Amino acid sequence: MALNIRNSETERLANELARMTGESKTEAVKKALAARLESLRKREKSAYNLAGELDEIARHCAGLPVLDARNAEEMLYDERGLPL
């Protein structure tokens, strides 16, 4: 199936990339698209791994015993609202 580029800036970029790499426009565009997809897939995988790690940390923290029953404001500020 053919790809028809109708945007002059995209055509210019494809021509410049092909000229700089010595590849055909088709090969240059194919490699550029493959590199972009690989980058996006890595980012997606990294975000998924981060979410899993954060879930694991949250589960661990939820299981820890409460060592101080005061709320955060009580721990940080005195009765006049000044930092401890």
PDB file of N, CA and C in Angstrom:
ATOM      1  N   MET A   1       0.843  -1.173   0.000  1.00  0.00           N
ATOM      2  CA  MET A   1       0.000   0.000   0.000  1.00  0.00           C
ATOM      3  C   MET A   1       0.891   1.239   0.000  1.00  0.00           C
ATOM      4  N   ALA A   2       0.527   2.221  -0.780  1.00  0.00           N
ATOM      5  CA  ALA A   2       1.330   3.433  -0.935  1.00  0.00           C
ATOM      6  C   ALA A   2       0.994   4.448   0.149  1.00  0.00           C
ATOM      7  N   LEU A   3       1.986   5.237   0.484  1.00  0.00           N
ATOM      8  CA  LEU A   3       1.816   6.349   1.412  1.00  0.00           C
ATOM      9  C   LEU A   3       1.991   7.617   0.597  1.00  0.00           C
ATOM     10  N   ASN A   4       0.982   8.459   0.604  1.00  0.00           N
ATOM     11  CA  ASN A   4       1.022   9.687  -0.173  1.00  0.00           C
ATOM     12  C   ASN A   4       1.144  10.859   0.793  1.00  0.00           C
ATOM     13  N   ILE A   5       2.258  11.559   0.741  1.00  0.00           N
ATOM     14  CA  ILE A   5       2.490  12.690   1.632  1.00  0.00           C
ATOM     15  C   ILE A   5       2.061  13.964   0.917  1.00  0.00           C
ATOM     16  N   ARG A   6       1.098  14.666   1.520  1.00  0.00           N
ATOM     17  CA  ARG A   6       0.571  15.881   0.897  1.00  0.00           C
ATOM     18  C   ARG A   6       0.936  17.144   1.680  1.00  0.00           C
ATOM     19  N   ASN A   7       1.805  17.004   2.632  1.00  0.00           N
ATOM     20  CA  ASN A   7       2.211  18.139   3.453  1.00  0.00           C
ATOM     21  C   ASN A   7       3.625  18.533   3.041  1.00  0.00           C
ATOM     22  N   SER A   8       3.801  19.787   2.639  1.00  0.00           N
ATOM     23  CA  SER A   8       5.102  20.213   2.105  1.00  0.00           C
ATOM     24  C   SER A   8       6.206  20.151   3.161  1.00  0.00           C
ATOM     25  N   GLU A   9       5.892  20.461   4.413  1.00  0.00           N
ATOM     26  CA  GLU A   9       6.904  20.395   5.478  1.00  0.00           C
ATOM     27  C   GLU A   9       7.334  18.947   5.714  1.00  0.00           C
ATOM     28  N   THR A  10       6.378  18.037   5.704  1.00  0.00           N
ATOM     29  CA  THR A  10       6.701  16.619   5.879  1.00  0.00           C
ATOM     30  C   THR A  10       7.552  16.124   4.717  1.00  0.00           C
ATOM     31  N   GLU A  11       7.214  16.538   3.523  1.00  0.00           N
ATOM     32  CA  GLU A  11       7.986  16.170   2.330  1.00  0.00           C
ATOM     33  C   GLU A  11       9.408  16.715   2.436  1.00  0.00           C
ATOM     34  N   ARG A  12       9.546  17.966   2.888  1.00  0.00           N
ATOM     35  CA  ARG A  12      10.861  18.569   3.035  1.00  0.00           C
ATOM     36  C   ARG A  12      11.695  17.810   4.063  1.00  0.00           C
ATOM     37  N   LEU A  13      11.066  17.459   5.197  1.00  0.00           N
ATOM     38  CA  LEU A  13      11.779  16.713   6.236  1.00  0.00           C
ATOM     39  C   LEU A  13      12.218  15.340   5.731  1.00  0.00           C
ATOM     40  N   ALA A  14      11.341  14.660   5.010  1.00  0.00           N
ATOM     41  CA  ALA A  14      11.684  13.344   4.464  1.00  0.00           C
ATOM     42  C   ALA A  14      12.839  13.458   3.474  1.00  0.00           C
ATOM     43  N   ASN A  15      12.807  14.475   2.628  1.00  0.00           N
ATOM     44  CA  ASN A  15      13.895  14.689   1.667  1.00  0.00           C
ATOM     45  C   ASN A  15      15.212  14.975   2.380  1.00  0.00           C
ATOM     46  N   GLU A  16      15.168  15.832   3.393  1.00  0.00           N
ATOM     47  CA  GLU A  16      16.389  16.179   4.123  1.00  0.00           C
ATOM     48  C   GLU A  16      16.962  14.960   4.839  1.00  0.00           C
ATOM     49  N   LEU A  17      16.093  14.187   5.476  1.00  0.00           N
ATOM     50  CA  LEU A  17      16.549  12.986   6.177  1.00  0.00           C
ATOM     51  C   LEU A  17      17.172  11.995   5.202  1.00  0.00           C
ATOM     52  N   ALA A  18      16.531  11.786   4.075  1.00  0.00           N
ATOM     53  CA  ALA A  18      17.061  10.860   3.072  1.00  0.00           C
ATOM     54  C   ALA A  18      18.411  11.350   2.546  1.00  0.00           C
ATOM     55  N   ARG A  19      18.520  12.649   2.299  1.00  0.00           N
ATOM     56  CA  ARG A  19      19.772  13.208   1.794  1.00  0.00           C
ATOM     57  C   ARG A  19      20.890  13.055   2.824  1.00  0.00           C
ATOM     58  N   MET A  20      20.580  13.326   4.095  1.00  0.00           N
ATOM     59  CA  MET A  20      21.605  13.263   5.141  1.00  0.00           C
ATOM     60  C   MET A  20      22.052  11.835   5.439  1.00  0.00           C
ATOM     61  N   THR A  21      21.139  10.877   5.297  1.00  0.00           N
ATOM     62  CA  THR A  21      21.481   9.488   5.617  1.00  0.00           C
ATOM     63  C   THR A  21      21.949   8.703   4.406  1.00  0.00           C
ATOM     64  N   GLY A  22      21.683   9.234   3.215  1.00  0.00           N
ATOM     65  CA  GLY A  22      22.032   8.503   2.003  1.00  0.00           C
ATOM     66  C   GLY A  22      21.056   7.375   1.702  1.00  0.00           C
ATOM     67  N   GLU A  23      19.943   7.354   2.406  1.00  0.00           N
ATOM     68  CA  GLU A  23      18.921   6.323   2.194  1.00  0.00           C
ATOM     69  C   GLU A  23      17.857   6.852   1.242  1.00  0.00           C
ATOM     70  N   SER A  24      17.046   5.937   0.747  1.00  0.00           N
ATOM     71  CA  SER A  24      15.890   6.373  -0.028  1.00  0.00           C
ATOM     72  C   SER A  24      14.907   7.034   0.933  1.00  0.00           C
ATOM     73  N   LYS A  25      13.998   7.837   0.377  1.00  0.00           N
ATOM     74  CA  LYS A  25      12.986   8.455   1.237  1.00  0.00           C
ATOM     75  C   LYS A  25      12.175   7.388   1.961  1.00  0.00           C
ATOM     76  N   THR A  26      11.850   6.331   1.255  1.00  0.00           N
ATOM     77  CA  THR A  26      11.064   5.255   1.860  1.00  0.00           C
ATOM     78  C   THR A  26      11.794   4.656   3.050  1.00  0.00           C
ATOM     79  N   GLU A  27      13.075   4.356   2.870  1.00  0.00           N
ATOM     80  CA  GLU A  27      13.860   3.752   3.951  1.00  0.00           C
ATOM     81  C   GLU A  27      14.031   4.728   5.113  1.00  0.00           C
ATOM     82  N   ALA A  28      14.293   5.983   4.808  1.00  0.00           N
ATOM     83  CA  ALA A  28      14.474   6.987   5.860  1.00  0.00           C
ATOM     84  C   ALA A  28      13.195   7.165   6.673  1.00  0.00           C
ATOM     85  N   VAL A  29      12.062   7.241   6.004  1.00  0.00           N
ATOM     86  CA  VAL A  29      10.777   7.391   6.699  1.00  0.00           C
ATOM     87  C   VAL A  29      10.468   6.140   7.500  1.00  0.00           C
ATOM     88  N   LYS A  30      10.728   4.967   6.928  1.00  0.00           N
ATOM     89  CA  LYS A  30      10.473   3.709   7.638  1.00  0.00           C
ATOM     90  C   LYS A  30      11.283   3.643   8.925  1.00  0.00           C
ATOM     91  N   LYS A  31      12.574   3.978   8.843  1.00  0.00           N
ATOM     92  CA  LYS A  31      13.429   3.935  10.034  1.00  0.00           C
ATOM     93  C   LYS A  31      13.003   4.983  11.064  1.00  0.00           C
ATOM     94  N   ALA A  32      12.612   6.162  10.602  1.00  0.00           N
ATOM     95  CA  ALA A  32      12.168   7.208  11.527  1.00  0.00           C
ATOM     96  C   ALA A  32      10.890   6.781  12.250  1.00  0.00           C
ATOM     97  N   LEU A  33       9.960   6.190  11.520  1.00  0.00           N
ATOM     98  CA  LEU A  33       8.718   5.714  12.139  1.00  0.00           C
ATOM     99  C   LEU A  33       8.992   4.581  13.118  1.00  0.00           C
ATOM    100  N   ALA A  34       9.877   3.670  12.750  1.00  0.00           N
ATOM    101  CA  ALA A  34      10.219   2.555  13.638  1.00  0.00           C
ATOM    102  C   ALA A  34      10.869   3.067  14.921  1.00  0.00           C
ATOM    103  N   ALA A  35      11.757   4.046  14.799  1.00  0.00           N
ATOM    104  CA  ALA A  35      12.420   4.611  15.980  1.00  0.00           C
ATOM    105  C   ALA A  35      11.415   5.307  16.883  1.00  0.00           C
ATOM    106  N   ARG A  36      10.482   6.038  16.292  1.00  0.00           N
ATOM    107  CA  ARG A  36       9.460   6.739  17.094  1.00  0.00           C
ATOM    108  C   ARG A  36       8.568   5.738  17.807  1.00  0.00           C
ATOM    109  N   LEU A  37       8.153   4.681  17.118  1.00  0.00           N
ATOM    110  CA  LEU A  37       7.319   3.652  17.747  1.00  0.00           C
ATOM    111  C   LEU A  37       8.056   2.963  18.887  1.00  0.00           C
ATOM    112  N   GLU A  38       9.323   2.651  18.678  1.00  0.00           N
ATOM    113  CA  GLU A  38      10.113   2.008  19.729  1.00  0.00           C
ATOM    114  C   GLU A  38      10.199   2.907  20.961  1.00  0.00           C
ATOM    115  N   SER A  39      10.415   4.191  20.731  1.00  0.00           N
ATOM    116  CA  SER A  39      10.493   5.144  21.838  1.00  0.00           C
ATOM    117  C   SER A  39       9.173   5.209  22.605  1.00  0.00           C
ATOM    118  N   LEU A  40       8.071   5.259  21.893  1.00  0.00           N
ATOM    119  CA  LEU A  40       6.757   5.318  22.539  1.00  0.00           C
ATOM    120  C   LEU A  40       6.448   4.032  23.292  1.00  0.00           C
ATOM    121  N   ARG A  41       6.825   2.903  22.720  1.00  0.00           N
ATOM    122  CA  ARG A  41       6.589   1.622  23.407  1.00  0.00           C
ATOM    123  C   ARG A  41       7.398   1.536  24.691  1.00  0.00           C
ATOM    124  N   LYS A  42       8.647   2.005  24.646  1.00  0.00           N
ATOM    125  CA  LYS A  42       9.482   1.999  25.853  1.00  0.00           C
ATOM    126  C   LYS A  42       8.877   2.899  26.921  1.00  0.00           C
ATOM    127  N   ARG A  43       8.396   4.068  26.514  1.00  0.00           N
ATOM    128  CA  ARG A  43       7.788   5.003  27.459  1.00  0.00           C
ATOM    129  C   ARG A  43       6.538   4.383  28.082  1.00  0.00           C
ATOM    130  N   GLU A  44       5.732   3.732  27.246  1.00  0.00           N
ATOM    131  CA  GLU A  44       4.510   3.091  27.734  1.00  0.00           C
ATOM    132  C   GLU A  44       4.843   1.981  28.723  1.00  0.00           C
ATOM    133  N   LYS A  45       5.836   1.166  28.379  1.00  0.00           N
ATOM    134  CA  LYS A  45       6.242   0.070  29.253  1.00  0.00           C
ATOM    135  C   LYS A  45       6.798   0.616  30.559  1.00  0.00           C
ATOM    136  N   SER A  46       7.593   1.679  30.474  1.00  0.00           N
ATOM    137  CA  SER A  46       8.174   2.293  31.660  1.00  0.00           C
ATOM    138  C   SER A  46       7.089   2.845  32.573  1.00  0.00           C
ATOM    139  N   ALA A  47       6.082   3.492  31.999  1.00  0.00           N
ATOM    140  CA  ALA A  47       4.980   4.038  32.799  1.00  0.00           C
ATOM    141  C   ALA A  47       4.208   2.912  33.463  1.00  0.00           C
ATOM    142  N   TYR A  48       4.006   1.805  32.741  1.00  0.00           N
ATOM    143  CA  TYR A  48       3.293   0.665  33.311  1.00  0.00           C
ATOM    144  C   TYR A  48       4.085   0.087  34.476  1.00  0.00           C
ATOM    145  N   ASN A  49       5.400  -0.057  34.313  1.00  0.00           N
ATOM    146  CA  ASN A  49       6.240  -0.582  35.390  1.00  0.00           C
ATOM    147  C   ASN A  49       6.223   0.346  36.592  1.00  0.00           C
ATOM    148  N   LEU A  50       6.259   1.639  36.356  1.00  0.00           N
ATOM    149  CA  LEU A  50       6.229   2.607  37.449  1.00  0.00           C
ATOM    150  C   LEU A  50       4.922   2.494  38.221  1.00  0.00           C
ATOM    151  N   ALA A  51       3.813   2.372  37.515  1.00  0.00           N
ATOM    152  CA  ALA A  51       2.519   2.243  38.182  1.00  0.00           C
ATOM    153  C   ALA A  51       2.491   0.997  39.054  1.00  0.00           C
ATOM    154  N   GLY A  52       3.031  -0.098  38.569  1.00  0.00           N
ATOM    155  CA  GLY A  52       3.085  -1.329  39.353  1.00  0.00           C
ATOM    156  C   GLY A  52       3.953  -1.178  40.589  1.00  0.00           C
ATOM    157  N   GLU A  53       5.087  -0.522  40.427  1.00  0.00           N
ATOM    158  CA  GLU A  53       5.978  -0.301  41.568  1.00  0.00           C
ATOM    159  C   GLU A  53       5.318   0.593  42.612  1.00  0.00           C
ATOM    160  N   LEU A  54       4.618   1.627  42.159  1.00  0.00           N
ATOM    161  CA  LEU A  54       3.930   2.515  43.098  1.00  0.00           C
ATOM    162  C   LEU A  54       2.814   1.782  43.837  1.00  0.00           C
ATOM    163  N   ASP A  55       2.097   0.904  43.134  1.00  0.00           N
ATOM    164  CA  ASP A  55       1.065   0.089  43.793  1.00  0.00           C
ATOM    165  C   ASP A  55       1.684  -0.792  44.871  1.00  0.00           C
ATOM    166  N   GLU A  56       2.818  -1.383  44.553  1.00  0.00           N
ATOM    167  CA  GLU A  56       3.501  -2.245  45.520  1.00  0.00           C
ATOM    168  C   GLU A  56       3.938  -1.443  46.750  1.00  0.00           C
ATOM    169  N   ILE A  57       4.468  -0.258  46.540  1.00  0.00           N
ATOM    170  CA  ILE A  57       4.877   0.600  47.656  1.00  0.00           C
ATOM    171  C   ILE A  57       3.668   0.985  48.495  1.00  0.00           C
ATOM    172  N   ALA A  58       2.564   1.327  47.843  1.00  0.00           N
ATOM    173  CA  ALA A  58       1.350   1.712  48.573  1.00  0.00           C
ATOM    174  C   ALA A  58       0.837   0.559  49.424  1.00  0.00           C
ATOM    175  N   ARG A  59       0.842  -0.652  48.883  1.00  0.00           N
ATOM    176  CA  ARG A  59       0.394  -1.823  49.661  1.00  0.00           C
ATOM    177  C   ARG A  59       1.304  -2.039  50.865  1.00  0.00           C
ATOM    178  N   HIS A  60       2.601  -1.894  50.650  1.00  0.00           N
ATOM    179  CA  HIS A  60       3.549  -2.058  51.749  1.00  0.00           C
ATOM    180  C   HIS A  60       3.290  -1.017  52.841  1.00  0.00           C
ATOM    181  N   CYS A  61       3.140   0.235  52.437  1.00  0.00           N
ATOM    182  CA  CYS A  61       2.921   1.313  53.413  1.00  0.00           C
ATOM    183  C   CYS A  61       1.599   1.136  54.149  1.00  0.00           C
ATOM    184  N   ALA A  62       0.581   0.673  53.459  1.00  0.00           N
ATOM    185  CA  ALA A  62      -0.724   0.472  54.101  1.00  0.00           C
ATOM    186  C   ALA A  62      -0.640  -0.596  55.184  1.00  0.00           C
ATOM    187  N   GLY A  63       0.285  -1.516  55.061  1.00  0.00           N
ATOM    188  CA  GLY A  63       0.430  -2.584  56.042  1.00  0.00           C
ATOM    189  C   GLY A  63       1.310  -2.225  57.227  1.00  0.00           C
ATOM    190  N   LEU A  64       1.934  -1.070  57.191  1.00  0.00           N
ATOM    191  CA  LEU A  64       2.800  -0.662  58.300  1.00  0.00           C
ATOM    192  C   LEU A  64       1.962  -0.237  59.506  1.00  0.00           C
ATOM    193  N   PRO A  65       2.475  -0.463  60.710  1.00  0.00           N
ATOM    194  CA  PRO A  65       1.724  -0.057  61.900  1.00  0.00           C
ATOM    195  C   PRO A  65       1.714   1.465  62.052  1.00  0.00           C
ATOM    196  N   VAL A  66       0.656   1.969  62.683  1.00  0.00           N
ATOM    197  CA  VAL A  66       0.557   3.402  62.966  1.00  0.00           C
ATOM    198  C   VAL A  66       1.394   3.683  64.206  1.00  0.00           C
ATOM    199  N   LEU A  67       2.423   4.495  64.089  1.00  0.00           N
ATOM    200  CA  LEU A  67       3.310   4.803  65.210  1.00  0.00           C
ATOM    201  C   LEU A  67       2.916   6.093  65.919  1.00  0.00           C
ATOM    202  N   ASP A  68       2.143   6.925  65.256  1.00  0.00           N
ATOM    203  CA  ASP A  68       1.717   8.196  65.836  1.00  0.00           C
ATOM    204  C   ASP A  68       0.297   8.465  65.347  1.00  0.00           C
ATOM    205  N   ALA A  69      -0.655   8.514  66.256  1.00  0.00           N
ATOM    206  CA  ALA A  69      -2.065   8.635  65.884  1.00  0.00           C
ATOM    207  C   ALA A  69      -2.461  10.065  65.521  1.00  0.00           C
ATOM    208  N   ARG A  70      -1.553  11.027  65.681  1.00  0.00           N
ATOM    209  CA  ARG A  70      -1.891  12.405  65.329  1.00  0.00           C
ATOM    210  C   ARG A  70      -2.002  12.552  63.815  1.00  0.00           C
ATOM    211  N   ASN A  71      -2.836  13.530  63.387  1.00  0.00           N
ATOM    212  CA  ASN A  71      -2.908  13.786  61.948  1.00  0.00           C
ATOM    213  C   ASN A  71      -1.708  14.644  61.541  1.00  0.00           C
ATOM    214  N   ALA A  72      -1.536  14.852  60.265  1.00  0.00           N
ATOM    215  CA  ALA A  72      -0.357  15.555  59.752  1.00  0.00           C
ATOM    216  C   ALA A  72      -0.244  16.972  60.311  1.00  0.00           C
ATOM    217  N   GLU A  73      -1.358  17.694  60.387  1.00  0.00           N
ATOM    218  CA  GLU A  73      -1.310  19.064  60.918  1.00  0.00           C
ATOM    219  C   GLU A  73      -0.842  19.082  62.364  1.00  0.00           C
ATOM    220  N   GLU A  74      -1.309  18.141  63.152  1.00  0.00           N
ATOM    221  CA  GLU A  74      -0.909  18.082  64.559  1.00  0.00           C
ATOM    222  C   GLU A  74       0.583  17.774  64.700  1.00  0.00           C
ATOM    223  N   MET A  75       1.113  17.002  63.772  1.00  0.00           N
ATOM    224  CA  MET A  75       2.532  16.663  63.830  1.00  0.00           C
ATOM    225  C   MET A  75       3.418  17.817  63.369  1.00  0.00           C
ATOM    226  N   LEU A  76       2.907  18.656  62.471  1.00  0.00           N
ATOM    227  CA  LEU A  76       3.725  19.707  61.875  1.00  0.00           C
ATOM    228  C   LEU A  76       3.603  21.066  62.552  1.00  0.00           C
ATOM    229  N   TYR A  77       2.431  21.357  63.158  1.00  0.00           N
ATOM    230  CA  TYR A  77       2.179  22.701  63.680  1.00  0.00           C
ATOM    231  C   TYR A  77       1.780  22.661  65.148  1.00  0.00           C
ATOM    232  N   ASP A  78       2.137  23.736  65.862  1.00  0.00           N
ATOM    233  CA  ASP A  78       1.738  23.820  67.270  1.00  0.00           C
ATOM    234  C   ASP A  78       0.325  24.387  67.373  1.00  0.00           C
ATOM    235  N   GLU A  79      -0.122  24.658  68.600  1.00  0.00           N
ATOM    236  CA  GLU A  79      -1.492  25.120  68.823  1.00  0.00           C
ATOM    237  C   GLU A  79      -1.751  26.517  68.245  1.00  0.00           C
ATOM    238  N   ARG A  80      -0.706  27.280  67.935  1.00  0.00           N
ATOM    239  CA  ARG A  80      -0.861  28.604  67.319  1.00  0.00           C
ATOM    240  C   ARG A  80      -0.731  28.539  65.792  1.00  0.00           C
ATOM    241  N   GLY A  81      -0.540  27.337  65.244  1.00  0.00           N
ATOM    242  CA  GLY A  81      -0.401  27.179  63.801  1.00  0.00           C
ATOM    243  C   GLY A  81       1.002  27.411  63.284  1.00  0.00           C
ATOM    244  N   LEU A  82       1.953  27.484  64.199  1.00  0.00           N
ATOM    245  CA  LEU A  82       3.347  27.682  63.796  1.00  0.00           C
ATOM    246  C   LEU A  82       4.042  26.336  63.638  1.00  0.00           C
ATOM    247  N   PRO A  83       4.992  26.256  62.735  1.00  0.00           N
ATOM    248  CA  PRO A  83       5.715  24.990  62.553  1.00  0.00           C
ATOM    249  C   PRO A  83       6.433  24.590  63.828  1.00  0.00           C
ATOM    250  N   LEU A  84       6.456  23.314  64.072  1.00  0.00           N
ATOM    251  CA  LEU A  84       7.159  22.802  65.256  1.00  0.00           C
ATOM    252  C   LEU A  84       8.654  22.815  65.041  1.00  0.00           C
TER     253      LEU A  84
END
